[in-house]
């Protein structure tokens, strides 16, 4: 039996993790996949990790529920004074100050498209908030039949938002309410990465073909990670500024729907987790200018069971560091660099909507995955972040969602 730590990282498939789990239904359905095993012919047998490779975590952290009855919380960030900002997908920004959830949502959020996967999504505080008071948001805008992802910023004075300004939007409208992406991460140079979904599953189309194929087109913003200056303009050193017809904001491409995006503050590596369709969820180490393959290469299958692509790897396309089949539906990602859990420093933590857990993932200096274990939460995990106190904060996705804090065992 092959252990995960012994699996070679060559080829597109590092590990196929055989996990069980089922989605919890919500009033706003999310992009979760059927937890069925892939056909044995779909993956190299030498690359298959046994179920035992995903160990249950020992009791090194206790889970403390801090707040309940948040409606589909999606994003979380902190102000310099420790005030917590949390988005609720129906279109509300909540404030937790001095350990108290303020009863009234923050005024100043415009109407958002809160259907299916849409709504008010991520929140990111500007690195120089103390000087400029800017807070950034991603959200779905439009109607059921014509919608797209937007990025906006607004000034927050501690009580209300003002000067709400759209600084970026996907310039092609799509049907339905799927695949908005929308995770944000600040880079050390003060630029902002934003994930943009591919637009949706079949039969959603654009320009006479399935919309997901736009992930390979550099002149379309769907299926990309974009890199923006803090005013929404394109940095002059973006990788495709000298490529004919390419959109200047594109940083990487060939993505399906990234809902986990994290910077390692010590190595400056950028990591992302990406939803597959039926299986084929991915953990990727992201580099600007690279093509991550979707939908040309993938371990995903159609939700109907049909083939999306016969290829799992191709020269010129980056292989994932880890593949999950069946899907765990990854949402939320962080690299832990705090001091409250010293044994976890440098480890990645990925939330699971279907598996209702957190995966603690160890990687070596090359980014190769050497181990992972499951921390059961028992609810759909939407987001996970390290707080300024070095503890780990978890948002659960439900009409009565929670904020859970992981603390060291006494």
Protein backbone atom coordinates (compact mmCIF):
# COMPACT_ATOMS: atom_id res chain seq x y z
CA UNK A 1 0.00 0.00 0.00
CA UNK A 2 1.43 3.37 -1.04
CA UNK A 3 1.75 6.09 1.58
CA UNK A 4 1.07 9.70 0.64
CA UNK A 5 4.56 10.75 1.67
CA UNK A 6 6.05 8.22 -0.74
CA UNK A 7 4.12 9.34 -3.80
CA UNK A 8 6.27 10.97 -6.46
CA UNK A 9 5.30 14.50 -7.46
CA UNK A 10 5.98 13.95 -11.17
CA UNK A 11 3.03 14.10 -13.54
CA UNK A 12 -0.17 16.02 -13.13
CA UNK A 13 -1.54 13.74 -10.43
CA UNK A 14 0.27 13.77 -7.08
CA UNK A 15 -2.38 12.05 -5.01
CA UNK A 16 -5.95 10.90 -5.51
CA UNK A 17 -7.56 10.99 -2.11
CA UNK A 18 -10.47 8.64 -1.61
CA UNK A 19 -12.71 10.52 0.75
CA UNK A 20 -16.32 10.06 1.71
CA UNK A 21 -18.80 12.85 2.31
CA UNK A 22 -22.03 14.41 1.14
CA UNK A 23 -23.14 17.99 0.67
CA UNK A 24 -25.44 19.67 3.11
CA UNK A 25 -28.24 21.44 1.28
CA UNK A 26 -28.63 25.18 1.78
CA UNK A 27 -31.03 27.81 0.58
CA UNK A 28 -28.29 29.09 -1.74
CA UNK A 29 -26.78 25.96 -3.37
CA UNK A 30 -23.02 25.88 -3.80
CA UNK A 31 -20.68 24.23 -6.23
CA UNK A 32 -20.09 20.87 -4.61
CA UNK A 33 -19.42 17.66 -6.44
CA UNK A 34 -20.68 14.09 -6.21
CA UNK A 35 -18.35 12.15 -3.88
CA UNK A 36 -17.83 9.19 -6.17
CA UNK A 37 -14.56 7.45 -6.90
CA UNK A 38 -12.96 8.00 -10.28
CA UNK A 39 -12.75 5.11 -12.69
CA UNK A 40 -9.54 3.12 -12.14
CA UNK A 41 -8.64 3.84 -15.75
CA UNK A 42 -8.76 7.59 -15.15
CA UNK A 43 -5.60 7.77 -13.01
CA UNK A 44 -2.23 6.02 -12.86
CA UNK A 45 -2.52 3.26 -10.28
CA UNK A 46 0.91 4.08 -8.82
CA UNK A 47 -0.35 7.56 -7.92
CA UNK A 48 -3.38 6.50 -5.90
CA UNK A 49 -3.14 7.18 -2.18
CA UNK A 50 -5.04 4.90 0.22
CA UNK A 51 -7.84 6.24 2.36
CA UNK A 52 -5.63 5.85 5.42
CA UNK A 53 -3.31 8.53 4.01
CA UNK A 54 -5.82 11.13 5.21
CA UNK A 55 -5.44 10.70 8.94
CA UNK A 56 -7.73 12.12 11.58
CA UNK A 57 -5.93 14.86 13.48
CA UNK A 58 -4.97 14.15 17.08
CA UNK A 59 -6.55 16.36 19.72
CA UNK A 60 -4.12 19.27 19.57
CA UNK A 61 -6.72 22.01 19.21
CA UNK A 62 -10.09 22.62 20.74
CA UNK A 63 -12.92 24.19 18.79
CA UNK A 64 -14.67 27.15 20.38
CA UNK A 65 -17.82 28.55 18.78
CA UNK A 66 -17.59 32.32 19.11
CA UNK A 67 -20.67 33.45 17.16
CA UNK A 68 -23.72 31.83 15.59
CA UNK A 69 -26.64 32.78 13.35
CA UNK A 70 -24.59 34.48 10.64
CA UNK A 71 -26.29 33.98 7.28
CA UNK A 72 -23.86 32.23 4.94
CA UNK A 73 -20.70 34.01 6.09
CA UNK A 74 -18.12 34.06 3.28
CA UNK A 75 -15.13 36.30 4.02
CA UNK A 76 -13.26 37.54 7.09
CA UNK A 77 -10.50 40.05 7.77
CA UNK A 78 -9.22 42.24 10.60
CA UNK A 79 -8.60 45.94 11.05
CA UNK A 80 -5.33 47.03 12.67
CA UNK A 81 -7.07 47.45 16.05
CA UNK A 82 -8.32 43.84 16.00
CA UNK A 83 -11.87 44.61 14.87
CA UNK A 84 -13.19 41.73 12.77
CA UNK A 85 -15.07 42.25 9.49
CA UNK A 86 -17.25 39.40 8.20
CA UNK A 87 -19.34 39.29 5.03
CA UNK A 88 -22.71 37.55 4.79
CA UNK A 89 -23.57 36.39 1.30
CA UNK A 90 -27.05 37.98 1.14
CA UNK A 91 -25.27 41.35 1.15
CA UNK A 92 -24.34 42.35 4.69
CA UNK A 93 -21.06 43.39 6.32
CA UNK A 94 -20.88 42.55 10.03
CA UNK A 95 -18.52 43.97 12.64
CA UNK A 96 -17.16 42.15 15.69
CA UNK A 97 -15.59 44.66 18.04
CA UNK A 98 -14.06 43.88 21.42
CA UNK A 99 -15.47 40.37 21.22
CA UNK A 100 -19.05 41.51 20.54
CA UNK A 101 -20.99 41.01 17.30
CA UNK A 102 -22.67 44.33 16.62
CA UNK A 103 -26.38 43.74 15.98
CA UNK A 104 -26.74 46.12 13.03
CA UNK A 105 -24.97 45.46 9.71
CA UNK A 106 -22.65 48.18 8.42
CA UNK A 107 -24.51 50.65 6.15
CA UNK A 108 -23.17 51.46 2.71
CA UNK A 109 -23.14 48.07 0.97
CA UNK A 110 -24.98 48.29 -2.39
CA UNK A 111 -27.38 45.68 -3.70
CA UNK A 112 -25.68 42.45 -4.73
CA UNK A 113 -26.88 39.44 -6.74
CA UNK A 114 -27.47 36.95 -3.94
CA UNK A 115 -28.59 33.91 -5.93
CA UNK A 116 -26.95 30.48 -6.07
CA UNK A 117 -23.21 31.08 -5.52
CA UNK A 118 -23.51 34.86 -5.83
CA UNK A 119 -23.75 37.56 -3.20
CA UNK A 120 -21.37 39.64 -1.13
CA UNK A 121 -18.29 37.45 -1.07
CA UNK A 122 -14.75 38.22 0.10
CA UNK A 123 -13.43 41.13 2.17
CA UNK A 124 -9.82 42.36 2.33
CA UNK A 125 -8.48 45.23 4.40
CA UNK A 126 -5.92 47.44 2.65
CA UNK A 127 -2.39 46.93 4.06
CA UNK A 128 -2.25 50.69 4.76
CA UNK A 129 -5.74 50.90 6.23
CA UNK A 130 -4.56 53.09 9.09
CA UNK A 131 -3.68 55.78 6.55
CA UNK A 132 -6.40 55.38 3.90
CA UNK A 133 -9.34 53.47 5.51
CA UNK A 134 -9.86 51.36 2.36
CA UNK A 135 -11.62 47.99 2.57
CA UNK A 136 -12.04 45.82 -0.55
CA UNK A 137 -14.96 43.58 -1.49
CA UNK A 138 -15.82 41.04 -4.17
CA UNK A 139 -19.43 40.42 -5.11
CA UNK A 140 -21.80 39.23 -7.82
CA UNK A 141 -23.56 41.95 -9.79
CA UNK A 142 -26.36 41.90 -12.36
CA UNK A 143 -29.31 39.58 -12.91
CA UNK A 144 -29.81 35.84 -13.15
CA UNK A 145 -29.41 36.01 -16.92
CA UNK A 146 -26.55 38.54 -17.11
CA UNK A 147 -24.08 38.75 -14.23
CA UNK A 148 -20.41 39.02 -13.42
CA UNK A 149 -17.84 39.40 -10.63
CA UNK A 150 -16.99 42.87 -9.35
CA UNK A 151 -14.28 44.22 -7.07
CA UNK A 152 -15.02 47.41 -5.16
CA UNK A 153 -13.41 49.41 -2.41
CA UNK A 154 -14.93 51.71 0.19
CA UNK A 155 -13.73 53.74 3.13
CA UNK A 156 -14.70 52.45 6.55
CA UNK A 157 -14.69 54.89 9.45
CA UNK A 158 -15.62 52.27 12.01
CA UNK A 159 -19.35 52.84 11.63
CA UNK A 160 -20.27 53.04 7.92
CA UNK A 161 -18.89 52.59 4.42
CA UNK A 162 -18.49 55.56 2.09
CA UNK A 163 -16.99 56.27 -1.33
CA UNK A 164 -17.97 52.82 -2.62
CA UNK A 165 -16.13 52.52 -5.95
CA UNK A 166 -16.06 49.65 -8.43
CA UNK A 167 -12.39 49.26 -9.40
CA UNK A 168 -12.63 46.07 -11.49
CA UNK A 169 -15.27 43.88 -13.10
CA UNK A 170 -15.44 40.97 -15.47
CA UNK A 171 -16.31 42.62 -18.75
CA UNK A 172 -18.41 39.77 -20.16
CA UNK A 173 -21.81 38.99 -18.67
CA UNK A 174 -22.83 35.37 -18.17
CA UNK A 175 -25.96 33.40 -17.42
CA UNK A 176 -26.88 31.58 -14.22
CA UNK A 177 -25.27 32.10 -10.83
CA UNK A 178 -22.17 29.92 -10.79
CA UNK A 179 -18.41 30.24 -10.52
CA UNK A 180 -17.68 33.77 -9.38
CA UNK A 181 -14.33 32.82 -7.81
CA UNK A 182 -13.78 36.00 -5.76
CA UNK A 183 -11.02 35.22 -3.26
CA UNK A 184 -8.52 38.03 -2.70
CA UNK A 185 -4.92 38.10 -1.46
CA UNK A 186 -2.51 41.00 -1.06
CA UNK A 187 1.04 40.59 -2.34
CA UNK A 188 4.05 42.14 -0.56
CA UNK A 189 4.33 44.85 -3.23
CA UNK A 190 0.84 46.14 -2.42
CA UNK A 191 -0.87 44.64 -5.46
CA UNK A 192 -4.04 42.59 -5.11
CA UNK A 193 -4.72 39.12 -6.50
CA UNK A 194 -8.35 38.22 -7.23
CA UNK A 195 -9.64 34.86 -8.44
CA UNK A 196 -12.27 34.88 -11.20
CA UNK A 197 -14.32 31.77 -11.97
CA UNK A 198 -14.77 30.32 -15.44
CA UNK A 199 -18.46 31.28 -15.60
CA UNK A 200 -20.24 28.02 -14.92
CA UNK A 201 -21.08 24.46 -15.87
CA UNK A 202 -22.70 23.21 -19.09
CA UNK A 203 -24.89 24.33 -20.72
CA UNK A 204 -23.74 27.89 -19.84
CA UNK A 205 -22.13 29.23 -23.02
CA UNK A 206 -20.40 32.31 -24.39
CA UNK A 207 -19.49 33.13 -27.99
CA UNK A 208 -20.94 29.87 -29.28
CA UNK A 209 -19.05 27.46 -27.00
CA UNK A 210 -19.18 26.29 -23.40
CA UNK A 211 -18.19 29.24 -21.27
CA UNK A 212 -15.53 27.26 -19.39
CA UNK A 213 -13.32 27.33 -22.51
CA UNK A 214 -12.80 31.06 -21.90
CA UNK A 215 -10.38 30.05 -19.14
CA UNK A 216 -7.81 29.48 -21.90
CA UNK A 217 -8.39 32.83 -23.64
CA UNK A 218 -6.07 35.58 -22.46
CA UNK A 219 -8.37 38.30 -23.76
CA UNK A 220 -11.25 37.22 -21.47
CA UNK A 221 -11.18 37.60 -17.69
CA UNK A 222 -13.11 34.41 -16.91
CA UNK A 223 -11.11 31.53 -15.42
CA UNK A 224 -8.19 33.68 -14.28
CA UNK A 225 -6.34 35.11 -11.35
CA UNK A 226 -5.96 38.83 -11.98
CA UNK A 227 -3.40 41.14 -10.39
CA UNK A 228 -4.44 44.73 -9.74
CA UNK A 229 -2.96 47.89 -8.33
CA UNK A 230 -4.94 49.09 -5.34
CA UNK A 231 -6.93 51.43 -7.61
CA UNK A 232 -7.88 48.57 -9.97
CA UNK A 233 -5.42 49.41 -12.74
CA UNK A 234 -3.06 46.85 -14.25
CA UNK A 235 0.49 46.77 -12.84
CA UNK A 236 3.09 47.57 -15.49
CA UNK A 237 4.97 44.32 -14.76
CA UNK A 238 2.03 41.94 -15.15
CA UNK A 239 3.10 38.89 -17.18
CA UNK A 240 1.02 39.47 -20.33
CA UNK A 241 1.40 43.22 -20.84
CA UNK A 242 3.43 42.58 -23.99
CA UNK A 243 1.23 39.75 -25.31
CA UNK A 244 -0.97 40.70 -28.25
CA UNK A 245 -4.69 40.91 -27.40
CA UNK A 246 -4.17 39.74 -23.80
CA UNK A 247 -6.02 41.50 -21.01
CA UNK A 248 -3.39 43.42 -19.05
CA UNK A 249 -4.73 42.36 -15.64
CA UNK A 250 -4.30 38.59 -16.19
CA UNK A 251 -1.77 37.01 -13.84
CA UNK A 252 -2.47 33.28 -14.34
CA UNK A 253 -5.06 31.36 -16.33
CA UNK A 254 -6.67 27.99 -16.95
CA UNK A 255 -8.66 28.00 -13.70
CA UNK A 256 -12.15 26.64 -13.02
CA UNK A 257 -13.33 28.19 -9.76
CA UNK A 258 -10.82 29.21 -7.11
CA UNK A 259 -12.32 29.81 -3.67
CA UNK A 260 -9.10 29.46 -1.69
CA UNK A 261 -6.21 31.88 -2.26
CA UNK A 262 -3.35 32.48 0.17
CA UNK A 263 0.05 34.13 0.36
CA UNK A 264 2.75 32.55 2.51
CA UNK A 265 4.12 35.66 4.24
CA UNK A 266 7.54 34.08 4.80
CA UNK A 267 8.24 32.49 1.41
CA UNK A 268 5.96 34.79 -0.68
CA UNK A 269 4.58 31.69 -2.40
CA UNK A 270 0.98 31.94 -3.57
CA UNK A 271 -1.28 28.92 -3.12
CA UNK A 272 -4.78 28.29 -4.46
CA UNK A 273 -7.44 25.62 -4.11
CA UNK A 274 -9.75 25.10 -7.03
CA UNK A 275 -13.09 23.32 -7.33
CA UNK A 276 -13.21 20.49 -9.81
CA UNK A 277 -16.50 19.27 -11.20
CA UNK A 278 -17.14 15.63 -10.27
CA UNK A 279 -13.82 15.03 -8.54
CA UNK A 280 -10.57 16.65 -9.54
CA UNK A 281 -10.34 19.39 -6.90
CA UNK A 282 -6.85 20.88 -6.98
CA UNK A 283 -4.21 22.46 -4.77
CA UNK A 284 -1.92 24.61 -6.92
CA UNK A 285 1.25 26.59 -6.34
CA UNK A 286 0.57 29.71 -8.39
CA UNK A 287 3.11 31.61 -10.47
CA UNK A 288 2.40 34.61 -12.63
CA UNK A 289 2.28 33.92 -16.36
CA UNK A 290 1.48 30.21 -16.01
CA UNK A 291 -1.36 28.13 -17.48
CA UNK A 292 -3.05 25.75 -15.03
CA UNK A 293 -4.80 23.74 -17.70
CA UNK A 294 -8.56 23.93 -17.20
CA UNK A 295 -10.48 22.58 -19.10
CA UNK A 296 -7.84 21.16 -21.48
CA UNK A 297 -6.32 18.97 -18.77
CA UNK A 298 -8.22 17.87 -15.69
CA UNK A 299 -9.03 14.94 -13.42
CA UNK A 300 -12.63 16.17 -13.24
CA UNK A 301 -15.54 14.47 -14.92
CA UNK A 302 -18.87 15.98 -15.88
CA UNK A 303 -21.48 15.84 -13.13
CA UNK A 304 -23.30 13.41 -15.43
CA UNK A 305 -20.22 11.17 -15.36
CA UNK A 306 -19.05 12.01 -18.88
CA UNK A 307 -15.51 12.92 -19.86
CA UNK A 308 -14.38 16.55 -19.81
CA UNK A 309 -10.90 15.83 -21.16
CA UNK A 310 -8.92 12.68 -21.88
CA UNK A 311 -5.74 14.45 -20.76
CA UNK A 312 -4.51 14.96 -17.21
CA UNK A 313 -1.21 16.63 -18.12
CA UNK A 314 0.28 18.49 -21.06
CA UNK A 315 3.59 20.28 -21.66
CA UNK A 316 3.30 23.99 -20.94
CA UNK A 317 0.54 23.50 -18.37
CA UNK A 318 1.25 23.40 -14.64
CA UNK A 319 0.46 20.22 -12.71
CA UNK A 320 -1.36 20.55 -9.37
CA UNK A 321 0.44 19.69 -6.17
CA UNK A 322 -2.55 17.71 -4.92
CA UNK A 323 -5.79 16.37 -6.41
CA UNK A 324 -8.86 15.34 -4.43
CA UNK A 325 -11.25 12.78 -5.92
CA UNK A 326 -14.00 12.50 -4.76
CA UNK A 327 -14.37 16.23 -4.34
CA UNK A 328 -13.97 17.79 -0.95
CA UNK A 329 -15.18 21.12 -2.44
CA UNK A 330 -12.29 23.27 -1.20
CA UNK A 331 -13.14 26.75 0.02
CA UNK A 332 -10.88 28.94 2.11
CA UNK A 333 -7.11 28.54 2.37
CA UNK A 334 -4.34 29.84 4.59
CA UNK A 335 -0.67 29.24 5.36
CA UNK A 336 -0.16 29.20 9.11
CA UNK A 337 2.70 31.39 10.35
CA UNK A 338 1.59 32.09 13.91
CA UNK A 339 3.18 31.08 17.20
CA UNK A 340 0.18 29.54 18.99
CA UNK A 341 0.57 26.25 17.10
CA UNK A 342 4.35 26.05 16.54
CA UNK A 343 4.13 22.49 15.23
CA UNK A 344 1.92 23.75 12.38
CA UNK A 345 4.07 26.62 11.17
CA UNK A 346 4.31 26.62 7.38
CA UNK A 347 1.42 24.18 6.98
CA UNK A 348 -1.50 24.87 4.66
CA UNK A 349 -5.09 24.70 5.93
CA UNK A 350 -7.88 24.10 3.42
CA UNK A 351 -11.60 24.14 4.19
CA UNK A 352 -13.98 21.52 2.82
CA UNK A 353 -17.64 22.16 2.01
CA UNK A 354 -18.50 18.55 1.17
CA UNK A 355 -16.18 16.87 3.65
CA UNK A 356 -17.10 19.36 6.40
CA UNK A 357 -13.55 19.47 7.65
CA UNK A 358 -10.23 21.27 7.47
CA UNK A 359 -7.25 19.63 5.83
CA UNK A 360 -3.89 20.38 7.39
CA UNK A 361 -1.37 19.93 4.57
CA UNK A 362 2.39 19.68 5.04
CA UNK A 363 4.64 20.64 2.14
CA UNK A 364 8.40 20.57 1.75
CA UNK A 365 10.63 23.40 0.51
CA UNK A 366 9.79 22.58 -3.11
CA UNK A 367 6.05 22.72 -2.51
CA UNK A 368 5.62 18.95 -2.67
CA UNK A 369 2.87 17.62 -0.40
CA UNK A 370 4.26 15.16 2.12
CA UNK A 371 1.30 14.64 4.46
CA UNK A 372 -2.23 15.75 5.24
CA UNK A 373 -4.74 15.12 7.97
CA UNK A 374 -8.37 15.94 8.57
CA UNK A 375 -9.71 18.12 11.37
CA UNK A 376 -13.43 17.43 11.52
CA UNK A 377 -15.68 20.48 11.89
CA UNK A 378 -19.01 18.78 11.16
CA UNK A 379 -20.30 21.70 9.10
CA UNK A 380 -19.51 23.07 5.66
CA UNK A 381 -16.29 25.07 5.93
CA UNK A 382 -16.38 28.22 3.80
CA UNK A 383 -13.31 30.12 5.00
CA UNK A 384 -10.31 29.69 7.27
CA UNK A 385 -7.86 32.40 8.32
CA UNK A 386 -5.16 33.06 10.88
CA UNK A 387 -6.17 35.88 13.18
CA UNK A 388 -3.82 38.59 14.47
CA UNK A 389 -3.69 36.64 17.76
CA UNK A 390 -2.16 33.62 16.01
CA UNK A 391 -5.30 31.52 16.45
CA UNK A 392 -7.25 29.95 13.58
CA UNK A 393 -10.71 31.21 12.63
CA UNK A 394 -13.25 29.18 10.65
CA UNK A 395 -16.46 30.31 8.93
CA UNK A 396 -19.14 27.66 8.40
CA UNK A 397 -21.53 27.97 5.47
CA UNK A 398 -25.16 27.71 6.55
CA UNK A 399 -28.23 29.90 7.09
CA UNK A 400 -27.10 29.90 10.74
CA UNK A 401 -23.37 29.93 10.04
CA UNK A 402 -20.79 30.07 12.79
CA UNK A 403 -17.41 31.55 13.55
CA UNK A 404 -15.32 28.87 15.22
CA UNK A 405 -11.88 29.45 16.71
CA UNK A 406 -9.23 26.75 17.00
CA UNK A 407 -7.24 27.13 20.21
CA UNK A 408 -4.36 25.06 21.62
CA UNK A 409 -5.39 22.34 24.01
CA UNK A 410 -4.61 23.31 27.59
